[in-house]
């Protein structure tokens, strides 16, 4: 399996509406590590990885980790109901023309997860579901290094 042409390059910019109709841009999260996750409620592997994403987001809240869940070929009501049942509090974004999916080199399958560091550079791309271990490995590519922690008094 070859690497993604996105690796090491700036993540493609986008602005999509969340399910409440509020515009959300990748640029809104500049300086923060972000996972751009293409998913659908009908996708069994997507459903399986949701708890790992929820737990990782909570565990790395102090680092500012955010997940932008881009809904792929799914009814907004179904996506919202599933995310609510899973306790997923991250933005759920509609991509009705699939322009963002195409910009991120989506090739027909989901889930796809793109790991973007605080500088906006794509550091890892995962095609298919992520186990907790695989997610932890990919997160290391975008989370701030622990060195420097405690660099001053609280």
N, C-alpha and C. Protein backbone atom coordinates (compact mmCIF):
# COMPACT_ATOMS: atom_id res chain seq x y z
N UNK A 1 0.84 -1.18 0.00
CA UNK A 1 0.00 0.00 0.00
C UNK A 1 0.89 1.24 0.00
N UNK A 2 0.63 2.14 -0.92
CA UNK A 2 1.42 3.35 -1.01
C UNK A 2 0.93 4.41 -0.04
N UNK A 3 1.72 5.43 0.13
CA UNK A 3 1.34 6.53 1.00
C UNK A 3 0.41 7.50 0.30
N UNK A 4 -0.16 8.37 1.06
CA UNK A 4 -1.06 9.37 0.52
C UNK A 4 -0.28 10.53 -0.05
N UNK A 5 -0.73 11.11 -1.17
CA UNK A 5 -0.07 12.31 -1.70
C UNK A 5 -0.23 13.52 -0.78
N UNK A 6 -1.07 13.43 0.23
CA UNK A 6 -1.27 14.53 1.16
C UNK A 6 -0.18 14.61 2.23
N UNK A 7 0.51 13.51 2.47
CA UNK A 7 1.49 13.46 3.56
C UNK A 7 2.56 14.54 3.43
N UNK A 8 2.80 15.23 4.52
CA UNK A 8 3.83 16.26 4.56
C UNK A 8 3.44 17.57 3.91
N UNK A 9 2.19 17.66 3.46
CA UNK A 9 1.72 18.87 2.78
C UNK A 9 0.64 19.54 3.62
N UNK A 10 0.37 20.83 3.36
CA UNK A 10 -0.73 21.48 4.08
C UNK A 10 -2.06 20.77 3.79
N UNK A 11 -2.84 20.62 4.83
CA UNK A 11 -4.16 20.00 4.67
C UNK A 11 -5.02 20.91 3.80
N UNK A 12 -5.76 20.35 2.85
CA UNK A 12 -6.65 21.18 2.04
C UNK A 12 -7.65 21.95 2.91
N UNK A 13 -7.72 23.25 2.68
CA UNK A 13 -8.64 24.10 3.44
C UNK A 13 -10.08 23.77 3.08
N UNK A 14 -10.98 23.92 4.05
CA UNK A 14 -12.39 23.75 3.77
C UNK A 14 -13.23 24.49 4.79
N UNK A 15 -14.44 24.81 4.38
CA UNK A 15 -15.49 25.31 5.27
C UNK A 15 -16.75 24.55 4.90
N UNK A 16 -17.31 23.87 5.88
CA UNK A 16 -18.55 23.13 5.71
C UNK A 16 -19.50 23.55 6.83
N UNK A 17 -20.77 23.23 6.65
CA UNK A 17 -21.74 23.53 7.70
C UNK A 17 -21.91 22.32 8.61
N UNK A 18 -22.01 22.60 9.92
CA UNK A 18 -22.34 21.52 10.83
C UNK A 18 -23.83 21.23 10.69
N UNK A 19 -24.31 20.27 11.45
CA UNK A 19 -25.71 19.85 11.27
C UNK A 19 -26.71 20.88 11.76
N UNK A 20 -26.24 21.92 12.45
CA UNK A 20 -27.12 23.03 12.85
C UNK A 20 -27.05 24.17 11.85
N UNK A 21 -26.23 24.02 10.80
CA UNK A 21 -26.13 25.05 9.77
C UNK A 21 -25.05 26.09 10.03
N UNK A 22 -24.22 25.88 11.04
CA UNK A 22 -23.14 26.81 11.37
C UNK A 22 -21.89 26.47 10.57
N UNK A 23 -21.29 27.45 9.88
CA UNK A 23 -20.07 27.18 9.13
C UNK A 23 -18.91 26.82 10.07
N UNK A 24 -18.16 25.79 9.68
CA UNK A 24 -16.99 25.35 10.42
C UNK A 24 -15.86 25.20 9.41
N UNK A 25 -14.73 25.84 9.71
CA UNK A 25 -13.56 25.76 8.83
C UNK A 25 -12.43 25.01 9.51
N UNK A 26 -11.64 24.33 8.73
CA UNK A 26 -10.42 23.73 9.27
C UNK A 26 -9.56 24.83 9.89
N UNK A 27 -9.55 26.00 9.28
CA UNK A 27 -8.75 27.13 9.78
C UNK A 27 -9.16 27.56 11.19
N UNK A 28 -10.39 27.24 11.59
CA UNK A 28 -10.85 27.58 12.94
C UNK A 28 -10.00 26.87 14.00
N UNK A 29 -9.32 25.82 13.61
CA UNK A 29 -8.55 24.99 14.54
C UNK A 29 -7.05 25.14 14.35
N UNK A 30 -6.64 26.22 13.71
CA UNK A 30 -5.21 26.48 13.50
C UNK A 30 -4.48 26.45 14.84
N UNK A 31 -3.33 25.81 14.85
CA UNK A 31 -2.54 25.71 16.07
C UNK A 31 -2.90 24.50 16.92
N UNK A 32 -3.94 23.77 16.52
CA UNK A 32 -4.39 22.60 17.28
C UNK A 32 -4.26 21.34 16.43
N UNK A 33 -3.99 20.19 17.06
CA UNK A 33 -4.01 18.94 16.32
C UNK A 33 -5.46 18.56 15.99
N UNK A 34 -5.67 18.11 14.75
CA UNK A 34 -7.02 17.80 14.28
C UNK A 34 -7.03 16.46 13.54
N UNK A 35 -8.06 15.69 13.77
CA UNK A 35 -8.32 14.50 12.96
C UNK A 35 -9.51 14.85 12.08
N UNK A 36 -9.33 14.77 10.77
CA UNK A 36 -10.43 14.93 9.82
C UNK A 36 -10.88 13.50 9.49
N UNK A 37 -12.09 13.16 9.91
CA UNK A 37 -12.58 11.79 9.79
C UNK A 37 -13.81 11.74 8.89
N UNK A 38 -13.70 11.01 7.79
CA UNK A 38 -14.83 10.79 6.89
C UNK A 38 -15.53 9.51 7.34
N UNK A 39 -16.84 9.61 7.59
CA UNK A 39 -17.56 8.49 8.18
C UNK A 39 -19.05 8.56 7.83
N UNK A 40 -19.78 7.50 8.19
CA UNK A 40 -21.24 7.45 8.05
C UNK A 40 -21.80 6.52 9.11
N UNK A 41 -23.02 6.78 9.51
CA UNK A 41 -23.63 5.96 10.56
C UNK A 41 -23.91 4.53 10.08
N UNK A 42 -24.06 4.33 8.78
CA UNK A 42 -24.34 2.99 8.24
C UNK A 42 -23.06 2.17 8.06
N UNK A 43 -21.91 2.79 8.22
CA UNK A 43 -20.62 2.15 8.00
C UNK A 43 -20.19 1.41 9.28
N UNK A 44 -20.21 0.07 9.23
CA UNK A 44 -19.89 -0.72 10.43
C UNK A 44 -18.49 -0.42 10.96
N UNK A 45 -17.44 -0.37 10.11
CA UNK A 45 -16.11 -0.04 10.66
C UNK A 45 -16.07 1.37 11.28
N UNK A 46 -16.83 2.31 10.72
CA UNK A 46 -16.89 3.66 11.29
C UNK A 46 -17.49 3.60 12.69
N UNK A 47 -18.54 2.82 12.82
CA UNK A 47 -19.22 2.68 14.11
C UNK A 47 -18.28 2.07 15.14
N UNK A 48 -17.45 1.12 14.68
CA UNK A 48 -16.54 0.43 15.59
C UNK A 48 -15.44 1.34 16.12
N UNK A 49 -14.99 2.32 15.31
CA UNK A 49 -13.90 3.17 15.76
C UNK A 49 -14.36 4.40 16.55
N UNK A 50 -15.65 4.68 16.55
CA UNK A 50 -16.16 5.87 17.24
C UNK A 50 -15.76 5.94 18.72
N UNK A 51 -15.90 4.85 19.48
CA UNK A 51 -15.52 4.94 20.89
C UNK A 51 -14.04 5.30 21.08
N UNK A 52 -13.16 4.81 20.22
CA UNK A 52 -11.74 5.14 20.33
C UNK A 52 -11.51 6.62 20.08
N UNK A 53 -12.22 7.19 19.10
CA UNK A 53 -12.11 8.63 18.84
C UNK A 53 -12.62 9.43 20.04
N UNK A 54 -13.77 9.03 20.56
CA UNK A 54 -14.35 9.74 21.71
C UNK A 54 -13.37 9.73 22.89
N UNK A 55 -12.79 8.57 23.17
CA UNK A 55 -11.88 8.45 24.29
C UNK A 55 -10.59 9.24 24.06
N UNK A 56 -10.06 9.21 22.83
CA UNK A 56 -8.83 9.95 22.51
C UNK A 56 -9.06 11.45 22.63
N UNK A 57 -10.21 11.91 22.16
CA UNK A 57 -10.51 13.35 22.25
C UNK A 57 -10.55 13.80 23.70
N UNK A 58 -11.15 12.99 24.56
CA UNK A 58 -11.20 13.32 25.99
C UNK A 58 -9.81 13.25 26.62
N UNK A 59 -9.05 12.23 26.28
CA UNK A 59 -7.72 12.04 26.87
C UNK A 59 -6.74 13.13 26.47
N UNK A 60 -6.93 13.72 25.30
CA UNK A 60 -5.99 14.72 24.80
C UNK A 60 -6.62 16.11 24.70
N UNK A 61 -7.64 16.35 25.51
CA UNK A 61 -8.30 17.65 25.51
C UNK A 61 -7.33 18.76 25.88
N UNK A 62 -6.39 18.47 26.80
CA UNK A 62 -5.43 19.48 27.22
C UNK A 62 -4.49 19.89 26.09
N UNK A 63 -4.31 19.02 25.10
CA UNK A 63 -3.49 19.33 23.93
C UNK A 63 -4.30 20.00 22.83
N UNK A 64 -5.62 20.14 23.06
CA UNK A 64 -6.48 20.80 22.08
C UNK A 64 -6.94 19.92 20.95
N UNK A 65 -6.78 18.59 21.09
CA UNK A 65 -7.17 17.68 20.01
C UNK A 65 -8.64 17.87 19.66
N UNK A 66 -8.91 18.02 18.35
CA UNK A 66 -10.28 18.09 17.87
C UNK A 66 -10.45 17.09 16.73
N UNK A 67 -11.67 16.64 16.59
CA UNK A 67 -12.06 15.75 15.50
C UNK A 67 -13.11 16.49 14.69
N UNK A 68 -12.94 16.51 13.39
CA UNK A 68 -13.96 17.05 12.51
C UNK A 68 -14.53 15.87 11.74
N UNK A 69 -15.74 15.50 12.08
CA UNK A 69 -16.39 14.34 11.47
C UNK A 69 -17.15 14.76 10.23
N UNK A 70 -16.63 14.39 9.07
CA UNK A 70 -17.28 14.75 7.82
C UNK A 70 -18.15 13.57 7.37
N UNK A 71 -19.44 13.84 7.32
CA UNK A 71 -20.43 12.81 7.02
C UNK A 71 -20.40 12.50 5.53
N UNK A 72 -20.29 11.22 5.21
CA UNK A 72 -20.17 10.78 3.81
C UNK A 72 -21.39 9.93 3.43
N UNK A 73 -22.18 10.46 2.51
CA UNK A 73 -23.32 9.72 1.96
C UNK A 73 -24.22 9.14 3.05
N UNK A 74 -24.65 10.01 3.95
CA UNK A 74 -25.49 9.59 5.06
C UNK A 74 -26.53 10.67 5.32
N UNK A 75 -27.65 10.29 5.86
CA UNK A 75 -28.69 11.25 6.25
C UNK A 75 -28.22 11.99 7.50
N UNK A 76 -28.31 13.31 7.50
CA UNK A 76 -27.90 14.06 8.69
C UNK A 76 -28.56 13.57 9.97
N UNK A 77 -29.85 13.23 9.90
CA UNK A 77 -30.55 12.77 11.11
C UNK A 77 -29.97 11.46 11.62
N UNK A 78 -29.61 10.56 10.73
CA UNK A 78 -29.01 9.28 11.14
C UNK A 78 -27.64 9.50 11.75
N UNK A 79 -26.84 10.38 11.12
CA UNK A 79 -25.51 10.68 11.63
C UNK A 79 -25.60 11.30 13.02
N UNK A 80 -26.51 12.26 13.19
CA UNK A 80 -26.65 12.93 14.48
C UNK A 80 -27.11 11.95 15.56
N UNK A 81 -28.07 11.10 15.23
CA UNK A 81 -28.58 10.14 16.22
C UNK A 81 -27.47 9.19 16.66
N UNK A 82 -26.68 8.69 15.72
CA UNK A 82 -25.60 7.78 16.08
C UNK A 82 -24.55 8.49 16.93
N UNK A 83 -24.13 9.69 16.50
CA UNK A 83 -23.12 10.43 17.25
C UNK A 83 -23.61 10.75 18.66
N UNK A 84 -24.87 11.13 18.79
CA UNK A 84 -25.44 11.42 20.11
C UNK A 84 -25.40 10.17 20.99
N UNK A 85 -25.78 9.03 20.43
CA UNK A 85 -25.79 7.78 21.19
C UNK A 85 -24.38 7.39 21.64
N UNK A 86 -23.38 7.80 20.87
CA UNK A 86 -21.99 7.47 21.19
C UNK A 86 -21.32 8.51 22.09
N UNK A 87 -22.00 9.60 22.36
CA UNK A 87 -21.41 10.65 23.18
C UNK A 87 -20.34 11.43 22.43
N UNK A 88 -20.47 11.50 21.12
CA UNK A 88 -19.50 12.23 20.29
C UNK A 88 -19.89 13.70 20.26
N UNK A 89 -19.05 14.55 20.84
CA UNK A 89 -19.37 15.97 20.95
C UNK A 89 -18.61 16.83 19.95
N UNK A 90 -17.90 16.20 19.02
CA UNK A 90 -17.14 16.98 18.04
C UNK A 90 -18.03 17.42 16.89
N UNK A 91 -17.58 18.41 16.11
CA UNK A 91 -18.40 18.90 14.99
C UNK A 91 -18.66 17.82 13.95
N UNK A 92 -19.92 17.71 13.55
CA UNK A 92 -20.35 16.80 12.49
C UNK A 92 -20.68 17.68 11.29
N UNK A 93 -19.98 17.47 10.19
CA UNK A 93 -20.06 18.38 9.05
C UNK A 93 -20.63 17.69 7.82
N UNK A 94 -21.52 18.39 7.15
CA UNK A 94 -22.10 17.88 5.91
C UNK A 94 -21.21 18.27 4.73
N UNK A 95 -21.01 17.35 3.81
CA UNK A 95 -20.20 17.57 2.59
C UNK A 95 -21.06 17.17 1.39
N UNK A 96 -22.17 17.92 1.16
CA UNK A 96 -23.17 17.46 0.19
C UNK A 96 -22.66 17.24 -1.22
N UNK A 97 -21.71 18.02 -1.69
CA UNK A 97 -21.18 17.81 -3.03
C UNK A 97 -19.94 16.95 -3.07
N UNK A 98 -19.52 16.47 -1.89
CA UNK A 98 -18.33 15.63 -1.72
C UNK A 98 -17.06 16.30 -2.20
N UNK A 99 -17.04 17.64 -2.23
CA UNK A 99 -15.83 18.36 -2.66
C UNK A 99 -14.68 18.16 -1.68
N UNK A 100 -14.99 18.15 -0.38
CA UNK A 100 -13.93 17.96 0.61
C UNK A 100 -13.43 16.52 0.56
N UNK A 101 -14.34 15.57 0.43
CA UNK A 101 -13.96 14.16 0.28
C UNK A 101 -12.99 14.01 -0.89
N UNK A 102 -13.30 14.64 -2.01
CA UNK A 102 -12.43 14.57 -3.19
C UNK A 102 -11.09 15.26 -2.94
N UNK A 103 -11.11 16.40 -2.27
CA UNK A 103 -9.88 17.14 -1.99
C UNK A 103 -8.94 16.34 -1.10
N UNK A 104 -9.51 15.49 -0.26
CA UNK A 104 -8.71 14.66 0.63
C UNK A 104 -8.43 13.28 0.04
N UNK A 105 -8.63 13.18 -1.24
CA UNK A 105 -8.31 11.97 -1.99
C UNK A 105 -9.14 10.76 -1.59
N UNK A 106 -10.40 11.02 -1.22
CA UNK A 106 -11.30 9.92 -0.93
C UNK A 106 -11.47 9.08 -2.19
N UNK A 107 -11.40 7.78 -2.04
CA UNK A 107 -11.44 6.91 -3.21
C UNK A 107 -12.56 5.87 -3.12
N UNK A 108 -13.66 6.25 -2.50
CA UNK A 108 -14.80 5.35 -2.49
C UNK A 108 -15.07 4.64 -1.19
N UNK A 109 -14.11 4.62 -0.30
CA UNK A 109 -14.33 3.90 0.94
C UNK A 109 -14.23 4.79 2.15
N UNK A 110 -14.86 4.37 3.21
CA UNK A 110 -14.73 5.02 4.51
C UNK A 110 -14.62 3.91 5.54
N UNK A 111 -14.10 4.18 6.70
CA UNK A 111 -13.62 5.46 7.20
C UNK A 111 -12.25 5.82 6.64
N UNK A 112 -12.03 7.12 6.56
CA UNK A 112 -10.71 7.68 6.23
C UNK A 112 -10.43 8.72 7.31
N UNK A 113 -9.24 8.67 7.88
CA UNK A 113 -8.86 9.63 8.91
C UNK A 113 -7.56 10.30 8.52
N UNK A 114 -7.56 11.62 8.54
CA UNK A 114 -6.39 12.42 8.19
C UNK A 114 -5.95 13.14 9.46
N UNK A 115 -4.68 12.98 9.80
CA UNK A 115 -4.13 13.55 11.03
C UNK A 115 -3.33 14.80 10.66
N UNK A 116 -3.82 15.95 11.16
CA UNK A 116 -3.26 17.25 10.82
C UNK A 116 -2.65 17.86 12.09
N UNK A 117 -1.37 18.26 11.99
CA UNK A 117 -0.73 18.84 13.17
C UNK A 117 -1.12 20.31 13.34
N UNK A 118 -0.63 20.92 14.41
CA UNK A 118 -0.99 22.29 14.73
C UNK A 118 -0.55 23.30 13.69
N UNK A 119 0.43 22.93 12.84
CA UNK A 119 0.88 23.81 11.77
C UNK A 119 0.05 23.62 10.50
N UNK A 120 -0.93 22.72 10.55
CA UNK A 120 -1.80 22.49 9.39
C UNK A 120 -1.24 21.51 8.38
N UNK A 121 -0.22 20.72 8.79
CA UNK A 121 0.41 19.77 7.88
C UNK A 121 -0.15 18.37 8.13
N UNK A 122 -0.44 17.65 7.05
CA UNK A 122 -0.92 16.27 7.15
C UNK A 122 0.26 15.39 7.55
N UNK A 123 0.14 14.74 8.69
CA UNK A 123 1.23 13.89 9.20
C UNK A 123 0.94 12.41 9.06
N UNK A 124 -0.33 12.03 8.92
CA UNK A 124 -0.68 10.62 8.75
C UNK A 124 -2.05 10.54 8.10
N UNK A 125 -2.25 9.46 7.34
CA UNK A 125 -3.54 9.19 6.71
C UNK A 125 -3.85 7.72 6.94
N UNK A 126 -5.05 7.44 7.39
CA UNK A 126 -5.46 6.07 7.64
C UNK A 126 -6.71 5.75 6.83
N UNK A 127 -6.61 4.70 6.03
CA UNK A 127 -7.76 4.21 5.27
C UNK A 127 -8.26 2.96 5.99
N UNK A 128 -9.52 2.98 6.38
CA UNK A 128 -10.07 1.85 7.13
C UNK A 128 -10.14 2.18 8.60
N UNK A 129 -10.75 1.27 9.37
CA UNK A 129 -10.97 1.53 10.79
C UNK A 129 -9.67 1.50 11.59
N UNK A 130 -9.65 2.31 12.64
CA UNK A 130 -8.49 2.37 13.53
C UNK A 130 -8.81 1.68 14.85
N UNK A 131 -7.92 0.78 15.26
CA UNK A 131 -8.02 0.22 16.61
C UNK A 131 -7.51 1.27 17.58
N UNK A 132 -7.69 1.05 18.86
CA UNK A 132 -7.18 2.00 19.85
C UNK A 132 -5.66 2.12 19.73
N UNK A 133 -4.97 0.99 19.51
CA UNK A 133 -3.51 1.02 19.38
C UNK A 133 -3.08 1.79 18.14
N UNK A 134 -3.73 1.54 17.03
CA UNK A 134 -3.37 2.24 15.78
C UNK A 134 -3.65 3.73 15.91
N UNK A 135 -4.75 4.09 16.56
CA UNK A 135 -5.08 5.49 16.76
C UNK A 135 -4.01 6.15 17.63
N UNK A 136 -3.56 5.47 18.68
CA UNK A 136 -2.53 6.03 19.56
C UNK A 136 -1.24 6.30 18.79
N UNK A 137 -0.88 5.39 17.89
CA UNK A 137 0.34 5.57 17.08
C UNK A 137 0.19 6.78 16.17
N UNK A 138 -0.95 6.90 15.49
CA UNK A 138 -1.17 8.02 14.58
C UNK A 138 -1.23 9.35 15.35
N UNK A 139 -1.81 9.34 16.52
CA UNK A 139 -1.90 10.57 17.31
C UNK A 139 -0.53 11.12 17.67
N UNK A 140 0.45 10.25 17.85
CA UNK A 140 1.81 10.70 18.18
C UNK A 140 2.39 11.59 17.08
N UNK A 141 1.87 11.46 15.85
CA UNK A 141 2.38 12.27 14.74
C UNK A 141 1.89 13.70 14.79
N UNK A 142 0.82 13.96 15.57
CA UNK A 142 0.24 15.32 15.58
C UNK A 142 0.17 15.97 16.95
N UNK A 143 0.27 15.19 18.01
CA UNK A 143 0.17 15.78 19.34
C UNK A 143 1.48 16.46 19.71
N UNK A 144 1.41 17.57 20.43
CA UNK A 144 2.63 18.23 20.88
C UNK A 144 3.46 17.29 21.72
N UNK A 145 4.77 17.36 21.56
CA UNK A 145 5.67 16.51 22.35
C UNK A 145 5.55 16.86 23.82
N UNK A 146 5.70 15.86 24.65
CA UNK A 146 5.59 16.06 26.10
C UNK A 146 6.76 16.89 26.63
N UNK A 147 7.88 16.90 25.89
CA UNK A 147 9.02 17.67 26.36
C UNK A 147 8.63 19.13 26.45
N UNK A 148 9.10 19.78 27.43
CA UNK A 148 8.74 21.17 27.63
C UNK A 148 7.58 21.33 28.58
N UNK A 149 6.94 20.24 28.92
CA UNK A 149 5.85 20.30 29.89
C UNK A 149 6.48 20.67 31.23
N UNK A 150 5.82 21.46 31.97
CA UNK A 150 6.35 21.86 33.26
C UNK A 150 7.50 22.84 33.13
N UNK A 151 7.49 23.64 32.08
CA UNK A 151 8.60 24.55 31.83
C UNK A 151 8.56 25.78 32.71
N UNK A 152 7.54 25.90 33.51
CA UNK A 152 7.47 27.05 34.40
C UNK A 152 6.53 26.79 35.55
N UNK A 153 6.53 27.65 36.52
CA UNK A 153 5.62 27.44 37.65
C UNK A 153 4.17 27.63 37.24
N UNK A 154 3.31 26.95 37.94
CA UNK A 154 1.87 27.05 37.62
C UNK A 154 1.29 28.29 38.24
